[in-house]
Amino acid sequence: MLDYRFSQKSLLTRAPNYTILLDEIDIQYDWMALMAKLIIQSVDRALEILRLVAADPRGVGLQSLARQMNLRAQTVHNIVNTLIARGYLRVIDKPVRYALGPEVYNLTLMNSSGDMNLPCETAARELSTSFPSATITLCQYNGSETGQLERPVNRMFSPYTSASSVAFSALASRHLREEYERLHAFDEYGTTLWKSREQFDEALSQARRDGYALLTHNGFRLAVGVFDTGNDVHSIIGVSLSPEQASGLDTDFLKARALLVAQWVRTQEPPEFLKETHRCS
């Protein structure tokens, strides 16, 4: 238990207008007792639930939470329902357990990357200007899906089959990749495009070496990662062209350009860094 002591003399030093000094009178504070009076119990319990859930990537069941917190299951259940309603927890079935919800990832995103959304959108629009025949997308991970930021806002990219989802699987942190793949089993979602898990893993390794994911089985679909200052994936910028649109296009230049604008978002170098005279249509 922390025990803070300071003398009246130290108070005098901090407050020179005091004229009376009582020698050797110590003022003792029991810090933990003081904090206990200030802590709101329900908030403290909610934060503890989030900590316990975050520590177990498999999710945590109600009885396990109640046992670890030494609380009645009904008490924990009420707090959990509130966190679910606010998006800070979500339910995983079979068996029922709780995992971090999208709002936790949104908080982390805002804290780690600051206001990167505007530069990301600027970068995506710059690509759209450079390659007007291409479809440019900008997506983020919301804790369960990789979703498009542009309209329609609720659009989600199919796991394993879009360049953006492949780029996310390749470039995101291990924790986020495991979370994403636990929600979207490869055997259920990935076998429509990939012949085997080994083939998909090789594509991920190639994407990590290149710094982007590229799918060419139906046109030209490119996705590059935008990283924040903590080296975590903030967004994925996607470029999509039909086979007809991709025909005759300098795709090497397109790849270099996409990597260039993604780097600009991270380094925040002057926009003139992007102003090249070459334009493709």
Protein backbone atom coordinates (compact mmCIF):
# COMPACT_ATOMS: atom_id res chain seq x y z
CA MET A 1 0.00 0.00 0.00
CA LEU A 2 1.37 3.40 -0.97
CA ASP A 3 1.97 5.83 1.86
CA TYR A 4 2.59 9.47 0.95
CA ARG A 5 4.08 11.82 3.55
CA PHE A 6 5.05 15.44 3.24
CA SER A 7 5.82 18.01 5.89
CA GLN A 8 4.28 21.39 6.53
CA LYS A 9 7.68 22.77 5.58
CA SER A 10 7.30 21.37 2.06
CA LEU A 11 3.86 22.97 1.92
CA LEU A 12 5.44 26.26 2.83
CA THR A 13 7.90 25.85 -0.03
CA ARG A 14 5.06 25.36 -2.47
CA ALA A 15 2.97 28.15 -0.98
CA PRO A 16 5.34 30.98 0.01
CA ASN A 17 2.49 33.22 1.20
CA TYR A 18 2.10 31.03 4.31
CA THR A 19 3.49 32.87 7.36
CA ILE A 20 3.02 30.22 10.06
CA LEU A 21 5.23 27.15 10.07
CA LEU A 22 4.40 24.29 12.39
CA ASP A 23 7.67 22.40 12.76
CA GLU A 24 7.80 18.69 12.12
CA ILE A 25 4.07 18.16 11.61
CA ASP A 26 3.66 15.44 9.01
CA ILE A 27 0.55 15.07 6.96
CA GLN A 28 0.01 11.46 5.97
CA TYR A 29 -2.26 10.27 3.22
CA ASP A 30 -3.29 6.73 2.60
CA TRP A 31 -3.32 6.96 -1.18
CA MET A 32 -5.19 3.74 -1.82
CA ALA A 33 -7.91 4.65 0.64
CA LEU A 34 -8.22 8.04 -1.01
CA MET A 35 -8.49 6.49 -4.45
CA ALA A 36 -11.05 3.97 -3.23
CA LYS A 37 -13.31 6.86 -2.31
CA LEU A 38 -12.94 8.37 -5.77
CA ILE A 39 -13.38 5.22 -7.87
CA ILE A 40 -16.81 4.54 -9.36
CA GLN A 41 -17.33 0.83 -8.78
CA SER A 42 -19.28 0.02 -11.94
CA VAL A 43 -16.75 1.80 -14.15
CA ASP A 44 -13.89 0.02 -12.41
CA ARG A 45 -15.56 -3.35 -12.97
CA ALA A 46 -16.24 -2.58 -16.62
CA LEU A 47 -12.60 -1.71 -17.18
CA GLU A 48 -11.51 -4.91 -15.47
CA ILE A 49 -13.79 -6.92 -17.76
CA LEU A 50 -12.20 -5.27 -20.79
CA ARG A 51 -8.74 -6.06 -19.44
CA LEU A 52 -9.57 -9.73 -18.85
CA VAL A 53 -11.17 -10.11 -22.27
CA ALA A 54 -8.26 -8.41 -24.02
CA ALA A 55 -5.84 -10.83 -22.34
CA ASP A 56 -7.47 -13.89 -23.94
CA PRO A 57 -7.72 -13.83 -27.76
CA ARG A 58 -10.09 -16.83 -27.65
CA GLY A 59 -12.74 -14.84 -25.79
CA VAL A 60 -13.89 -15.23 -22.18
CA GLY A 61 -17.12 -16.77 -20.90
CA LEU A 62 -19.43 -15.26 -18.31
CA GLN A 63 -18.65 -17.76 -15.55
CA SER A 64 -14.92 -17.31 -16.07
CA LEU A 65 -15.25 -13.53 -15.77
CA ALA A 66 -17.37 -13.85 -12.62
CA ARG A 67 -14.87 -16.26 -11.07
CA GLN A 68 -11.84 -14.11 -11.86
CA MET A 69 -13.52 -10.98 -10.53
CA ASN A 70 -15.09 -12.73 -7.52
CA LEU A 71 -18.51 -11.38 -8.44
CA ARG A 72 -21.95 -12.83 -9.02
CA ALA A 73 -22.55 -13.88 -12.61
CA GLN A 74 -25.66 -11.66 -12.82
CA THR A 75 -23.61 -8.61 -11.82
CA VAL A 76 -21.02 -9.33 -14.50
CA HIS A 77 -23.75 -10.06 -17.04
CA ASN A 78 -25.33 -6.65 -16.53
CA ILE A 79 -22.01 -4.87 -17.11
CA VAL A 80 -21.21 -7.06 -20.12
CA ASN A 81 -24.57 -6.24 -21.71
CA THR A 82 -23.82 -2.54 -21.35
CA LEU A 83 -20.41 -2.96 -22.98
CA ILE A 84 -21.98 -4.96 -25.81
CA ALA A 85 -24.63 -2.29 -26.36
CA ARG A 86 -21.89 0.35 -26.66
CA GLY A 87 -19.77 -1.78 -28.98
CA TYR A 88 -16.87 -2.40 -26.59
CA LEU A 89 -17.60 -6.13 -26.40
CA ARG A 90 -19.13 -8.59 -28.83
CA VAL A 91 -20.49 -12.11 -28.49
CA ILE A 92 -18.83 -15.19 -29.98
CA ASP A 93 -21.03 -18.27 -30.24
CA LYS A 94 -20.35 -21.98 -29.70
CA PRO A 95 -19.65 -21.70 -26.83
CA VAL A 96 -20.88 -18.24 -25.88
CA ARG A 97 -18.00 -16.00 -24.84
CA TYR A 98 -17.02 -12.36 -25.10
CA ALA A 99 -14.33 -10.64 -27.18
CA LEU A 100 -13.32 -7.04 -27.70
CA GLY A 101 -15.76 -5.11 -29.86
CA PRO A 102 -15.17 -2.66 -32.70
CA GLU A 103 -15.28 0.43 -30.49
CA VAL A 104 -12.12 -0.71 -28.69
CA TYR A 105 -10.31 -0.90 -32.02
CA ASN A 106 -11.69 2.49 -32.98
CA LEU A 107 -10.29 4.00 -29.79
CA THR A 108 -6.92 2.37 -30.43
CA LEU A 109 -6.97 3.64 -33.98
CA MET A 110 -7.70 7.22 -32.94
CA ASN A 111 -5.04 7.14 -30.25
CA SER A 112 -2.24 5.51 -32.24
CA SER A 113 -2.66 7.29 -35.53
CA GLY A 114 -4.18 10.61 -34.64
CA ASP A 115 -6.23 12.14 -37.41
CA MET A 116 -5.03 9.99 -40.30
CA ASN A 117 -8.41 9.59 -41.96
CA LEU A 118 -8.19 12.90 -43.81
CA PRO A 119 -4.68 12.21 -45.24
CA CYS A 120 -5.83 8.71 -46.22
CA GLU A 121 -8.82 10.10 -48.07
CA THR A 122 -6.59 12.69 -49.73
CA ALA A 123 -4.24 9.94 -50.87
CA ALA A 124 -7.13 7.86 -52.23
CA ARG A 125 -8.51 10.85 -54.11
CA GLU A 126 -5.07 11.57 -55.56
CA LEU A 127 -4.95 8.04 -56.94
CA SER A 128 -8.45 8.48 -58.34
CA THR A 129 -7.30 11.62 -60.14
CA SER A 130 -4.21 9.88 -61.50
CA PHE A 131 -6.13 6.80 -62.62
CA PRO A 132 -9.71 7.90 -63.38
CA SER A 133 -10.63 4.56 -64.96
CA ALA A 134 -9.82 2.68 -61.74
CA THR A 135 -12.07 2.05 -58.77
CA ILE A 136 -10.30 3.34 -55.66
CA THR A 137 -11.33 2.09 -52.22
CA LEU A 138 -10.24 2.95 -48.72
CA CYS A 139 -11.04 0.50 -45.95
CA GLN A 140 -10.32 -0.10 -42.28
CA TYR A 141 -10.71 -3.00 -39.90
CA ASN A 142 -13.59 -2.46 -37.47
CA GLY A 143 -12.94 -5.39 -35.17
CA SER A 144 -14.77 -7.99 -37.23
CA GLU A 145 -14.70 -6.98 -40.90
CA THR A 146 -12.55 -5.02 -43.32
CA GLY A 147 -14.98 -2.40 -44.52
CA GLN A 148 -15.03 0.31 -47.13
CA LEU A 149 -14.92 3.90 -45.88
CA GLU A 150 -16.47 5.30 -49.04
CA ARG A 151 -20.20 5.08 -49.70
CA PRO A 152 -22.01 2.78 -49.09
CA VAL A 153 -20.60 2.89 -45.58
CA ASN A 154 -21.74 -0.61 -44.64
CA ARG A 155 -20.02 -2.40 -47.50
CA MET A 156 -17.60 -5.14 -46.39
CA PHE A 157 -14.91 -6.84 -48.41
CA SER A 158 -15.17 -10.61 -48.71
CA PRO A 159 -12.58 -12.43 -46.59
CA TYR A 160 -9.71 -13.99 -48.56
CA THR A 161 -11.10 -13.09 -51.99
CA SER A 162 -10.55 -9.32 -52.27
CA ALA A 163 -7.13 -7.71 -52.59
CA SER A 164 -7.90 -5.49 -49.59
CA SER A 165 -8.71 -8.41 -47.30
CA VAL A 166 -5.60 -10.27 -48.50
CA ALA A 167 -3.46 -7.19 -47.82
CA PHE A 168 -4.95 -6.92 -44.36
CA SER A 169 -4.24 -10.60 -43.64
CA ALA A 170 -0.66 -10.11 -44.79
CA LEU A 171 0.20 -6.75 -43.23
CA ALA A 172 -1.84 -6.43 -40.04
CA SER A 173 -0.45 -7.31 -36.62
CA ARG A 174 -0.51 -10.92 -35.54
CA HIS A 175 -3.24 -10.23 -32.99
CA LEU A 176 -5.56 -8.67 -35.57
CA ARG A 177 -4.84 -11.38 -38.14
CA GLU A 178 -5.67 -14.12 -35.65
CA GLU A 179 -8.83 -12.30 -34.61
CA TYR A 180 -9.91 -11.87 -38.23
CA GLU A 181 -9.23 -15.48 -39.17
CA ARG A 182 -10.99 -16.78 -36.10
CA LEU A 183 -14.12 -14.94 -37.19
CA HIS A 184 -13.73 -16.01 -40.83
CA ALA A 185 -12.50 -19.57 -41.08
CA PHE A 186 -10.43 -20.22 -44.19
CA ASP A 187 -12.23 -23.51 -44.91
CA GLU A 188 -15.51 -21.63 -45.06
CA TYR A 189 -14.54 -18.43 -46.86
CA GLY A 190 -11.20 -18.97 -48.56
CA THR A 191 -11.59 -22.10 -50.68
CA THR A 192 -13.63 -20.34 -53.37
CA LEU A 193 -10.46 -18.64 -54.63
CA TRP A 194 -7.51 -20.52 -53.15
CA LYS A 195 -6.85 -24.18 -53.86
CA SER A 196 -5.28 -24.72 -50.43
CA ARG A 197 -4.25 -22.94 -47.27
CA GLU A 198 -0.65 -23.33 -48.40
CA GLN A 199 -1.35 -21.41 -51.59
CA PHE A 200 -2.99 -18.61 -49.60
CA ASP A 201 -0.10 -18.48 -47.13
CA GLU A 202 2.35 -18.16 -50.02
CA ALA A 203 0.32 -15.23 -51.34
CA LEU A 204 0.55 -13.60 -47.89
CA SER A 205 4.32 -14.11 -47.83
CA GLN A 206 4.59 -12.52 -51.28
CA ALA A 207 2.47 -9.58 -50.16
CA ARG A 208 4.73 -9.00 -47.17
CA ARG A 209 7.80 -9.06 -49.40
CA ASP A 210 6.26 -6.68 -51.93
CA GLY A 211 4.42 -4.42 -49.50
CA TYR A 212 1.14 -4.91 -51.35
CA ALA A 213 -1.37 -7.58 -52.36
CA LEU A 214 -2.07 -8.15 -56.03
CA LEU A 215 -4.79 -10.34 -57.58
CA THR A 216 -4.87 -10.71 -61.36
CA HIS A 217 -7.23 -13.62 -61.98
CA ASN A 218 -10.04 -11.23 -62.96
CA GLY A 219 -8.50 -7.95 -64.01
CA PHE A 220 -6.08 -6.00 -61.86
CA ARG A 221 -6.75 -5.66 -58.13
CA LEU A 222 -4.10 -4.02 -55.97
CA ALA A 223 -4.16 -3.19 -52.25
CA VAL A 224 -1.47 -1.38 -50.24
CA GLY A 225 -1.30 -0.85 -46.52
CA VAL A 226 -1.19 2.56 -44.85
CA PHE A 227 0.75 2.31 -41.60
CA ASP A 228 0.61 4.61 -38.61
CA THR A 229 3.62 5.77 -36.61
CA GLY A 230 3.39 2.65 -34.45
CA ASN A 231 3.86 0.51 -37.58
CA ASP A 232 0.30 -0.83 -37.37
CA VAL A 233 -2.03 -0.94 -40.36
CA HIS A 234 -4.36 2.05 -40.25
CA SER A 235 -6.08 1.59 -43.62
CA ILE A 236 -5.89 -0.32 -46.87
CA ILE A 237 -6.00 1.55 -50.18
CA GLY A 238 -7.36 -0.57 -53.02
CA VAL A 239 -7.13 -0.08 -56.78
CA SER A 240 -9.33 -2.18 -59.06
CA LEU A 241 -9.41 -2.40 -62.86
CA SER A 242 -11.38 -4.67 -65.15
CA PRO A 243 -9.40 -6.75 -67.68
CA GLU A 244 -10.33 -4.22 -70.38
CA GLN A 245 -9.27 -1.25 -68.24
CA ALA A 246 -6.00 -2.90 -67.27
CA SER A 247 -5.09 -3.71 -70.87
CA GLY A 248 -2.30 -1.41 -72.04
CA LEU A 249 -2.00 0.36 -68.66
CA ASP A 250 1.42 0.75 -67.08
CA THR A 251 0.59 -1.33 -64.00
CA ASP A 252 4.14 -1.06 -62.66
CA PHE A 253 3.72 2.69 -62.51
CA LEU A 254 0.35 2.26 -60.84
CA LYS A 255 1.87 0.02 -58.16
CA ALA A 256 4.71 2.47 -57.55
CA ARG A 257 2.25 5.36 -57.35
CA ALA A 258 0.02 3.56 -54.85
CA LEU A 259 3.00 2.73 -52.63
CA LEU A 260 4.11 6.35 -52.92
CA VAL A 261 0.85 7.83 -51.68
CA ALA A 262 0.64 5.29 -48.84
CA GLN A 263 4.12 6.33 -47.73
CA TRP A 264 3.13 9.97 -47.90
CA VAL A 265 0.25 9.42 -45.46
CA ARG A 266 2.66 7.94 -42.94
CA THR A 267 5.55 10.40 -43.34
CA GLN A 268 3.32 13.45 -43.88
CA GLU A 269 5.79 14.89 -46.35
CA PRO A 270 4.53 17.90 -48.33
CA PRO A 271 1.82 17.11 -50.88
CA GLU A 272 4.20 18.35 -53.62
CA PHE A 273 5.91 15.00 -53.13
CA LEU A 274 3.03 13.54 -55.12
CA LYS A 275 2.76 16.12 -57.86
CA GLU A 276 4.15 14.36 -60.90
CA THR A 277 3.35 15.37 -64.41
CA HIS A 278 2.65 11.87 -65.63
CA ARG A 279 -1.02 10.98 -65.61
CA CYS A 280 -2.75 7.86 -66.87
CA SER A 281 -6.33 7.68 -68.05
